[in-house]
Every structure is written in C-alpha cells, then in structure tokens.
C-alpha atoms as a PDB file:
ATOM      1  CA  MET A   1       0.000   0.000   0.000  1.00  0.00           C
ATOM      2  CA  GLN A   2       1.139   3.522  -0.806  1.00  0.00           C
ATOM      3  CA  GLU A   3       1.998   5.793   2.134  1.00  0.00           C
ATOM      4  CA  CYS A   4      -1.131   7.274   3.649  1.00  0.00           C
ATOM      5  CA  GLN A   5      -0.890  10.602   5.453  1.00  0.00           C
ATOM      6  CA  PHE A   6      -3.860   9.776   7.714  1.00  0.00           C
ATOM      7  CA  CYS A   7      -2.324   6.420   8.704  1.00  0.00           C
ATOM      8  CA  GLU A   8       0.881   8.318   9.494  1.00  0.00           C
ATOM      9  CA  ILE A   9      -1.031  10.776  11.698  1.00  0.00           C
ATOM     10  CA  ALA A  10      -2.904   7.952  13.462  1.00  0.00           C
ATOM     11  CA  SER A  11       0.392   6.152  14.168  1.00  0.00           C
ATOM     12  CA  ARG A  12       2.025   9.406  15.296  1.00  0.00           C
ATOM     13  CA  SER A  13       4.736   9.208  12.629  1.00  0.00           C
ATOM     14  CA  LYS A  14       3.452  12.459  11.093  1.00  0.00           C
ATOM     15  CA  GLU A  15       2.883  15.579  13.168  1.00  0.00           C
ATOM     16  CA  SER A  16      -0.638  16.917  13.535  1.00  0.00           C
ATOM     17  CA  GLU A  17      -2.755  18.803  16.043  1.00  0.00           C
ATOM     18  CA  ILE A  18      -4.571  15.816  17.501  1.00  0.00           C
ATOM     19  CA  LEU A  19      -7.679  16.702  19.480  1.00  0.00           C
ATOM     20  CA  TYR A  20      -9.197  13.456  20.686  1.00  0.00           C
ATOM     21  CA  GLU A  21      -8.952   9.739  20.060  1.00  0.00           C
ATOM     22  CA  THR A  22     -10.473   6.397  20.891  1.00  0.00           C
ATOM     23  CA  GLU A  23      -9.328   2.885  20.111  1.00  0.00           C
ATOM     24  CA  SER A  24     -10.600   3.059  16.528  1.00  0.00           C
ATOM     25  CA  ALA A  25     -10.799   6.766  15.603  1.00  0.00           C
ATOM     26  CA  ILE A  26      -8.746   9.919  15.901  1.00  0.00           C
ATOM     27  CA  SER A  27      -9.519  13.597  15.320  1.00  0.00           C
ATOM     28  CA  PHE A  28      -7.177  16.407  14.378  1.00  0.00           C
ATOM     29  CA  LEU A  29      -7.297  19.887  12.889  1.00  0.00           C
ATOM     30  CA  ASP A  30      -7.275  20.073   9.103  1.00  0.00           C
ATOM     31  CA  HIS A  31      -3.964  21.624   7.989  1.00  0.00           C
ATOM     32  CA  ARG A  32      -5.836  23.506   5.230  1.00  0.00           C
ATOM     33  CA  PRO A  33      -8.934  24.593   7.149  1.00  0.00           C
ATOM     34  CA  VAL A  34     -12.035  25.993   5.528  1.00  0.00           C
ATOM     35  CA  SER A  35     -12.758  27.776   8.804  1.00  0.00           C
ATOM     36  CA  LYS A  36     -11.575  27.992  12.416  1.00  0.00           C
ATOM     37  CA  GLY A  37     -12.019  24.610  14.079  1.00  0.00           C
ATOM     38  CA  HIS A  38     -12.224  22.571  10.824  1.00  0.00           C
ATOM     39  CA  THR A  39     -11.548  19.072  12.114  1.00  0.00           C
ATOM     40  CA  LEU A  40     -11.005  15.696  10.480  1.00  0.00           C
ATOM     41  CA  ILE A  41     -12.174  12.482  12.112  1.00  0.00           C
ATOM     42  CA  VAL A  42     -10.441   9.420  10.662  1.00  0.00           C
ATOM     43  CA  SER A  43     -10.456   5.710  11.275  1.00  0.00           C
ATOM     44  CA  LYS A  44      -7.191   4.506  12.796  1.00  0.00           C
ATOM     45  CA  LYS A  45      -7.305   1.401  10.624  1.00  0.00           C
ATOM     46  CA  HIS A  46      -6.966   2.112   6.919  1.00  0.00           C
ATOM     47  CA  PHE A  47     -10.214   1.955   4.977  1.00  0.00           C
ATOM     48  CA  GLU A  48     -10.348   3.644   1.585  1.00  0.00           C
ATOM     49  CA  ASN A  49     -13.852   5.093   1.870  1.00  0.00           C
ATOM     50  CA  LEU A  50     -17.404   4.677   3.176  1.00  0.00           C
ATOM     51  CA  PHE A  51     -17.848   1.460   1.210  1.00  0.00           C
ATOM     52  CA  ASP A  52     -14.893  -0.224   2.938  1.00  0.00           C
ATOM     53  CA  VAL A  53     -15.242   0.894   6.566  1.00  0.00           C
ATOM     54  CA  ASP A  54     -16.778  -1.575   9.014  1.00  0.00           C
ATOM     55  CA  GLN A  55     -19.937  -0.693  10.974  1.00  0.00           C
ATOM     56  CA  ASP A  56     -18.272  -0.391  14.385  1.00  0.00           C
ATOM     57  CA  THR A  57     -15.599   1.992  13.124  1.00  0.00           C
ATOM     58  CA  LEU A  58     -18.168   3.999  11.177  1.00  0.00           C
ATOM     59  CA  CYS A  59     -20.247   4.412  14.341  1.00  0.00           C
ATOM     60  CA  GLU A  60     -17.190   5.442  16.374  1.00  0.00           C
ATOM     61  CA  VAL A  61     -16.192   8.060  13.776  1.00  0.00           C
ATOM     62  CA  MET A  62     -19.717   9.500  13.717  1.00  0.00           C
ATOM     63  CA  LYS A  63     -19.947   9.577  17.525  1.00  0.00           C
ATOM     64  CA  MET A  64     -16.666  11.479  17.599  1.00  0.00           C
ATOM     65  CA  ALA A  65     -17.919  13.848  14.883  1.00  0.00           C
ATOM     66  CA  LYS A  66     -20.923  14.644  17.066  1.00  0.00           C
ATOM     67  CA  LEU A  67     -18.753  15.210  20.152  1.00  0.00           C
ATOM     68  CA  ILE A  68     -16.358  17.500  18.257  1.00  0.00           C
ATOM     69  CA  SER A  69     -19.317  19.379  16.716  1.00  0.00           C
ATOM     70  CA  ILE A  70     -20.854  19.991  20.136  1.00  0.00           C
ATOM     71  CA  LYS A  71     -17.560  21.305  21.528  1.00  0.00           C
ATOM     72  CA  ILE A  72     -16.941  23.552  18.504  1.00  0.00           C
ATOM     73  CA  ASN A  73     -20.494  24.867  18.748  1.00  0.00           C
ATOM     74  CA  THR A  74     -20.084  25.668  22.452  1.00  0.00           C
ATOM     75  CA  LEU A  75     -16.607  27.174  22.128  1.00  0.00           C
ATOM     76  CA  TYR A  76     -16.850  29.167  18.893  1.00  0.00           C
ATOM     77  CA  ASN A  77     -20.596  29.657  18.401  1.00  0.00           C
ATOM     78  CA  PRO A  78     -20.663  29.160  14.610  1.00  0.00           C
ATOM     79  CA  THR A  79     -23.855  29.837  12.672  1.00  0.00           C
ATOM     80  CA  GLY A  80     -23.861  26.209  11.485  1.00  0.00           C
ATOM     81  CA  ILE A  81     -21.746  23.073  11.116  1.00  0.00           C
ATOM     82  CA  ASN A  82     -21.330  20.745   8.147  1.00  0.00           C
ATOM     83  CA  LEU A  83     -20.413  17.078   8.454  1.00  0.00           C
ATOM     84  CA  ILE A  84     -18.995  16.039   5.095  1.00  0.00           C
ATOM     85  CA  GLN A  85     -17.840  12.608   3.977  1.00  0.00           C
ATOM     86  CA  ASN A  86     -16.543  12.249   0.419  1.00  0.00           C
ATOM     87  CA  SER A  87     -16.259   8.751  -1.086  1.00  0.00           C
ATOM     88  CA  GLY A  88     -14.542   8.603  -4.451  1.00  0.00           C
ATOM     89  CA  GLU A  89     -12.628  11.092  -6.539  1.00  0.00           C
ATOM     90  CA  GLN A  90     -15.748  12.422  -8.294  1.00  0.00           C
ATOM     91  CA  ALA A  91     -17.283  13.129  -4.885  1.00  0.00           C
ATOM     92  CA  GLY A  92     -14.284  15.260  -3.910  1.00  0.00           C
ATOM     93  CA  GLN A  93     -12.227  12.690  -2.006  1.00  0.00           C
ATOM     94  CA  THR A  94      -8.547  13.647  -2.197  1.00  0.00           C
ATOM     95  CA  VAL A  95      -7.113  11.503   0.612  1.00  0.00           C
ATOM     96  CA  PHE A  96      -8.172   7.908   0.104  1.00  0.00           C
ATOM     97  CA  HIS A  97      -8.551   7.006   3.762  1.00  0.00           C
ATOM     98  CA  PHE A  98     -12.042   7.069   5.298  1.00  0.00           C
ATOM     99  CA  HIS A  99     -12.675  10.357   7.072  1.00  0.00           C
ATOM    100  CA  VAL A 100     -15.342  12.890   7.994  1.00  0.00           C
ATOM    101  CA  HIS A 101     -14.916  16.658   7.948  1.00  0.00           C
ATOM    102  CA  VAL A 102     -16.443  18.783  10.711  1.00  0.00           C
ATOM    103  CA  ILE A 103     -16.632  22.283   9.233  1.00  0.00           C
ATOM    104  CA  PRO A 104     -17.958  25.170  11.320  1.00  0.00           C
ATOM    105  CA  ARG A 105     -19.647  27.948   9.350  1.00  0.00           C
ATOM    106  CA  TYR A 106     -19.450  31.550  10.498  1.00  0.00           C
ATOM    107  CA  ASP A 107     -21.206  33.404   7.667  1.00  0.00           C
ATOM    108  CA  ASP A 108     -23.695  32.727   4.895  1.00  0.00           C
ATOM    109  CA  ASP A 109     -21.221  32.346   1.982  1.00  0.00           C
ATOM    110  CA  TYR A 110     -21.589  28.571   1.884  1.00  0.00           C
ATOM    111  CA  ASN A 111     -25.372  28.824   2.101  1.00  0.00           C
ATOM    112  CA  LYS A 112     -25.347  31.268  -0.833  1.00  0.00           C
ATOM    113  CA  ARG A 113     -23.234  28.841  -2.910  1.00  0.00           C
ATOM    114  CA  LEU A 114     -25.637  26.012  -2.082  1.00  0.00           C
ATOM    115  CA  GLY A 115     -28.545  28.216  -3.156  1.00  0.00           C
ATOM    116  CA  ILE A 116     -26.893  28.884  -6.518  1.00  0.00           C
ATOM    117  CA  GLU A 117     -26.302  25.156  -7.023  1.00  0.00           C
ATOM    118  CA  ALA A 118     -29.862  24.341  -5.938  1.00  0.00           C
ATOM    119  CA  GLN A 119     -31.222  26.614  -8.668  1.00  0.00           C
ATOM    120  CA  LYS A 120     -29.482  24.405 -11.264  1.00  0.00           C
ATOM    121  CA  ARG A 121     -31.237  21.259 -10.052  1.00  0.00           C
ATOM    122  CA  VAL A 122     -34.060  19.872 -12.171  1.00  0.00           C
ATOM    123  CA  ARG A 123     -37.165  18.457 -10.530  1.00  0.00           C
ATOM    124  CA  SER A 124     -37.700  14.732 -11.175  1.00  0.00           C
ATOM    125  CA  THR A 125     -41.030  13.487 -12.375  1.00  0.00           C
ATOM    126  CA  ASN A 126     -43.125  11.426  -9.976  1.00  0.00           C
ATOM    127  CA  LEU A 127     -42.632   8.443 -12.297  1.00  0.00           C
ATOM    128  CA  ASP A 128     -38.824   8.797 -12.174  1.00  0.00           C
ATOM    129  CA  LEU A 129     -38.952   9.025  -8.378  1.00  0.00           C
ATOM    130  CA  LYS A 130     -41.187   5.922  -8.166  1.00  0.00           C
ATOM    131  CA  LEU A 131     -38.874   3.928 -10.457  1.00  0.00           C
ATOM    132  CA  THR A 132     -35.765   4.934  -8.515  1.00  0.00           C
ATOM    133  CA  ALA A 133     -37.470   4.226  -5.175  1.00  0.00           C
ATOM    134  CA  ASN A 134     -38.526   0.766  -6.385  1.00  0.00           C
ATOM    135  CA  GLU A 135     -34.971  -0.040  -7.547  1.00  0.00           C
ATOM    136  CA  LEU A 136     -33.513   1.060  -4.207  1.00  0.00           C
ATOM    137  CA  ARG A 137     -36.171  -0.775  -2.156  1.00  0.00           C
ATOM    138  CA  LEU A 138     -35.423  -3.973  -4.076  1.00  0.00           C
ATOM    139  CA  ALA A 139     -31.680  -3.519  -3.558  1.00  0.00           C
ATOM    140  CA  LEU A 140     -32.199  -2.907   0.175  1.00  0.00           C
ATOM    141  CA  ARG A 141     -34.067  -6.223   0.528  1.00  0.00           C
ATOM    142  CA  ASN A 142     -31.149  -8.188  -0.911  1.00  0.00           C
END
C-alpha cells in the first residue's frame, strides 16, 4: 500500500494537532482549514472510503464527529456546522482514507453557494422518483 498521510497521523509518525482519540478513531485539525475549528475524524485502521469501513468503526467516527461538533459549537458559536464525507474522486475525495470533515460555518457564503447550485437542479417526475425508489427498495431487501 502507498503511504497514507492519515495512517501516518494515526500512528504518530506524522505531526498533527490531535484533538481526541479512541481505540478506533482519531480527530485532528485540518492543515488547510475551511474555517476555524475545521476538524477531520479518521479511522485509525486504513479503509479507503465509506464502502470499505466496518460498521463499528463507522459508528465510532460518527460519535466522535458529534462530540467535536458539540464542543466547537459551544466554544466558537458558529452559525452552522457541516459534516462532510466524500467517497470517491468524483465526490471530492482527495485523501483515500475514510474520514469525515467537521466544518464550522461563520457566515452565509456557503449557504449562498448552495442556493446557486440548488437553482441548477431539475425536478424529477413522480414516475422517475417511483422507479428509482422501487430499484432502491429492491436492492435494500437483498
């Protein structure tokens, strides 16, 4: 396996501002933060993305994301917080080790960008929604 910067941080062979850790997850400040308090929560064991991570580790990462979010909210009083998990290059994943971003928001710039993107979205027909729902329901049964 190629060197993984998040594995290096989890093993303490690469320096980072570690905030909190458990047996299976670790959190640290993003070295290229979007905003003050931008934190990454990563699995200590290497998983490439959401599709690879086991349930127990996934739950531990999300519990830590909630804890970090609560502390950021109390300490810095942002106007909102995003939890973002990117799986795959086309989804914006740049480090191929499972992780979740906790991004505090302090203004409405992000909300404005989302509004602009939302205006580009096209409403699906009821038939398209029914067909997609039926496909997903069938897949969920198997």
